[in-house]
Amino acid sequence: MDRPTRAARPARDRDSLASPRAVGYARALIHNRDRARLSRADRDRLDELVAATSVARPRAADVSAVIDILKPLPARLPAGAGECEEAVYLVDGVVYRTRHGRRGLYADRLVLIGGRPGAPYEGGRWEYAAGAARRLAAADRLDVAEAAAWGRRTHVCVCGRALLAPGDGVHPACARRL
């Protein structure tokens, strides 16, 4: 029994118009990609293509070329991003740690476990904090003294471990890292 074959797509004419979906994708790439990594020649070529795609209905070949140039580039960092680095931060009484992942810097929030009025917390666990890495600034970075003050107040180190000697405020291994 023969299987029905899928009909081949008709070949696009060189002067055919781009679909609105492709134009929207190309415009999103134009605004969201880090073009500083392009060579001067590629940047000039891209400027010509962007000008050609700014018309009401650009050609499919121009839009496709823009997509081919911009798609492999990394995303542009939002304004103010890149100010923080992999470290521990304190913002509004919440401890965050930033780490590098496949898509760049991300932040986890320390969630305290246990703790009743008058009783110390039992420790903490890290939970992903969506978008927090973009809101952290270098001024929010914890130093040893601030981490110790927070640890004495909560009886939990900034790493999430319960402190056996809360007077220290920071676990000895963390004091070396901060």
Protein backbone atom coordinates (compact mmCIF):
# COMPACT_ATOMS: atom_id res chain seq x y z
CA MET A 1 0.00 0.00 0.00
CA ASP A 2 1.46 3.35 -1.02
CA ARG A 3 1.49 6.16 1.47
CA PRO A 4 0.22 9.50 0.30
CA THR A 5 3.08 11.94 -0.04
CA ARG A 6 2.97 15.39 1.34
CA ALA A 7 2.65 18.05 -1.28
CA ALA A 8 5.86 20.02 -1.69
CA ARG A 9 5.71 23.68 -0.85
CA PRO A 10 5.73 25.89 -3.88
CA ALA A 11 9.06 27.64 -4.40
CA ARG A 12 9.01 31.24 -3.26
CA ASP A 13 9.52 33.90 -5.80
CA ARG A 14 12.54 36.12 -5.10
CA ASP A 15 10.29 39.15 -4.88
CA SER A 16 7.52 37.54 -2.82
CA LEU A 17 6.32 39.36 0.26
CA ALA A 18 7.12 38.18 3.78
CA SER A 19 4.37 36.89 6.01
CA PRO A 20 3.28 39.13 8.89
CA ARG A 21 4.48 36.45 11.30
CA ALA A 22 8.00 36.45 9.84
CA VAL A 23 8.10 40.25 9.90
CA GLY A 24 7.06 40.28 13.55
CA TYR A 25 9.73 37.70 14.44
CA ALA A 26 12.42 39.68 12.59
CA ARG A 27 11.40 42.92 14.35
CA ALA A 28 11.53 41.17 17.74
CA LEU A 29 15.05 39.93 16.95
CA ILE A 30 16.10 43.43 15.88
CA HIS A 31 15.10 44.82 19.27
CA ASN A 32 16.18 41.90 21.48
CA ARG A 33 19.57 40.77 20.16
CA ASP A 34 23.02 42.05 21.11
CA ARG A 35 24.24 43.45 17.78
CA ALA A 36 27.53 44.71 19.26
CA ARG A 37 29.03 41.27 18.62
CA LEU A 38 28.61 41.58 14.86
CA SER A 39 31.52 42.45 12.62
CA ARG A 40 31.46 45.86 10.96
CA ALA A 41 30.55 44.35 7.58
CA ASP A 42 27.67 42.33 9.08
CA ARG A 43 26.46 45.41 10.96
CA ASP A 44 26.41 47.45 7.74
CA ARG A 45 24.60 44.66 5.89
CA LEU A 46 22.10 44.38 8.73
CA ASP A 47 21.45 48.14 8.67
CA GLU A 48 20.63 47.89 4.95
CA LEU A 49 18.31 44.96 5.55
CA VAL A 50 16.58 46.64 8.48
CA ALA A 51 15.94 49.68 6.29
CA ALA A 52 14.52 47.38 3.61
CA THR A 53 12.25 45.61 6.10
CA SER A 54 10.87 48.83 7.57
CA VAL A 55 8.46 49.23 4.65
CA ALA A 56 4.84 48.15 5.08
CA ARG A 57 5.28 44.73 3.42
CA PRO A 58 8.97 43.79 3.05
CA ARG A 59 10.34 41.11 0.76
CA ALA A 60 10.64 37.60 2.16
CA ALA A 61 14.31 37.40 1.16
CA ASP A 62 15.18 40.52 3.19
CA VAL A 63 13.30 39.34 6.27
CA SER A 64 14.90 35.92 6.02
CA ALA A 65 18.37 37.47 5.81
CA VAL A 66 17.71 39.55 8.94
CA ILE A 67 16.59 36.45 10.82
CA ASP A 68 19.64 34.48 9.65
CA ILE A 69 22.02 37.19 10.89
CA LEU A 70 20.34 37.88 14.25
CA LYS A 71 19.07 34.49 15.40
CA PRO A 72 22.47 33.08 16.52
CA LEU A 73 23.31 36.21 18.55
CA PRO A 74 22.73 36.25 22.34
CA ALA A 75 19.86 38.26 23.79
CA ARG A 76 20.55 41.87 24.71
CA LEU A 77 20.63 42.48 28.46
CA PRO A 78 17.95 44.80 29.80
CA ALA A 79 18.95 48.24 31.07
CA GLY A 80 20.65 47.98 34.45
CA ALA A 81 21.32 44.28 34.03
CA GLY A 82 24.83 43.04 34.25
CA GLU A 83 25.32 45.23 37.29
CA CYS A 84 25.11 42.19 39.55
CA GLU A 85 27.41 39.19 39.47
CA GLU A 86 27.39 35.72 40.97
CA ALA A 87 27.07 36.50 44.68
CA VAL A 88 24.60 36.79 47.59
CA TYR A 89 22.28 39.81 47.84
CA LEU A 90 19.84 41.18 50.42
CA VAL A 91 16.81 43.14 49.17
CA ASP A 92 13.93 44.11 51.47
CA GLY A 93 14.90 41.46 54.03
CA VAL A 94 15.03 38.64 51.44
CA VAL A 95 18.29 36.88 50.61
CA TYR A 96 18.99 36.09 46.95
CA ARG A 97 21.90 34.23 45.39
CA THR A 98 22.75 34.59 41.74
CA ARG A 99 24.26 31.87 39.61
CA HIS A 100 25.12 31.34 35.96
CA GLY A 101 22.85 29.06 33.99
CA ARG A 102 22.54 28.16 30.32
CA ARG A 103 20.69 31.38 29.55
CA GLY A 104 22.75 33.72 31.70
CA LEU A 105 22.50 34.91 35.26
CA TYR A 106 19.50 33.87 37.35
CA ALA A 107 18.53 34.28 41.00
CA ASP A 108 17.25 32.01 43.74
CA ARG A 109 15.43 33.28 46.84
CA LEU A 110 16.15 31.82 50.29
CA VAL A 111 12.90 30.64 51.88
CA LEU A 112 13.18 30.16 55.63
CA ILE A 113 11.80 26.91 57.08
CA GLY A 114 10.08 26.59 60.47
CA GLY A 115 10.25 29.36 62.97
CA ARG A 116 7.48 30.21 65.31
CA PRO A 117 7.23 33.39 67.34
CA GLY A 118 10.16 33.34 69.75
CA ALA A 119 11.72 30.23 68.16
CA PRO A 120 14.57 30.19 65.63
CA TYR A 121 14.16 29.07 62.05
CA GLU A 122 15.22 25.49 61.27
CA GLY A 123 17.05 26.38 58.08
CA GLY A 124 16.18 27.42 54.57
CA ARG A 125 15.78 26.19 51.01
CA TRP A 126 16.46 27.92 47.71
CA GLU A 127 13.62 28.59 45.26
CA TYR A 128 13.93 30.07 41.78
CA ALA A 129 12.95 33.76 41.76
CA ALA A 130 11.75 34.66 38.26
CA GLY A 131 13.16 37.98 37.06
CA ALA A 132 14.95 38.75 40.34
CA ALA A 133 18.42 38.80 38.75
CA ARG A 134 17.39 41.82 36.66
CA ARG A 135 16.29 43.74 39.75
CA LEU A 136 19.44 43.16 41.82
CA ALA A 137 22.07 45.87 41.93
CA ALA A 138 25.68 45.89 43.07
CA ALA A 139 24.68 48.02 46.08
CA ASP A 140 22.50 45.13 47.35
CA ARG A 141 25.41 42.70 47.55
CA LEU A 142 26.00 41.29 51.03
CA ASP A 143 29.31 41.63 52.80
CA VAL A 144 30.32 39.49 55.80
CA ALA A 145 29.10 42.01 58.41
CA GLU A 146 25.63 42.35 56.82
CA ALA A 147 25.34 38.58 56.37
CA ALA A 148 26.29 38.06 60.02
CA ALA A 149 23.68 40.58 61.21
CA TRP A 150 21.00 38.84 59.14
CA GLY A 151 22.13 35.43 60.45
CA ARG A 152 22.02 36.56 64.10
CA ARG A 153 18.49 37.87 63.53
CA THR A 154 17.17 34.70 61.80
CA HIS A 155 19.54 31.99 63.21
CA VAL A 156 20.09 30.87 59.60
CA CYS A 157 23.22 31.42 57.52
CA VAL A 158 22.86 33.04 54.10
CA CYS A 159 23.64 29.61 52.58
CA GLY A 160 20.44 28.21 54.13
CA ARG A 161 22.01 26.14 56.93
CA ALA A 162 20.75 26.49 60.49
CA LEU A 163 23.38 28.10 62.69
CA LEU A 164 24.55 26.03 65.64
CA ALA A 165 26.13 29.09 67.23
CA PRO A 166 23.83 31.97 66.22
CA GLY A 167 26.20 34.49 67.80
CA ASP A 168 28.50 34.08 64.78
CA GLY A 169 25.76 34.93 62.29
CA VAL A 170 27.57 33.22 59.39
CA HIS A 171 28.64 29.62 58.83
CA PRO A 172 32.48 29.45 58.77
CA ALA A 173 32.59 28.19 55.17
CA CYS A 174 30.36 31.05 54.01
CA ALA A 175 32.45 33.67 55.78
CA ARG A 176 35.36 32.72 53.52
CA ARG A 177 33.22 32.99 50.35
CA LEU A 178 31.54 36.34 51.01
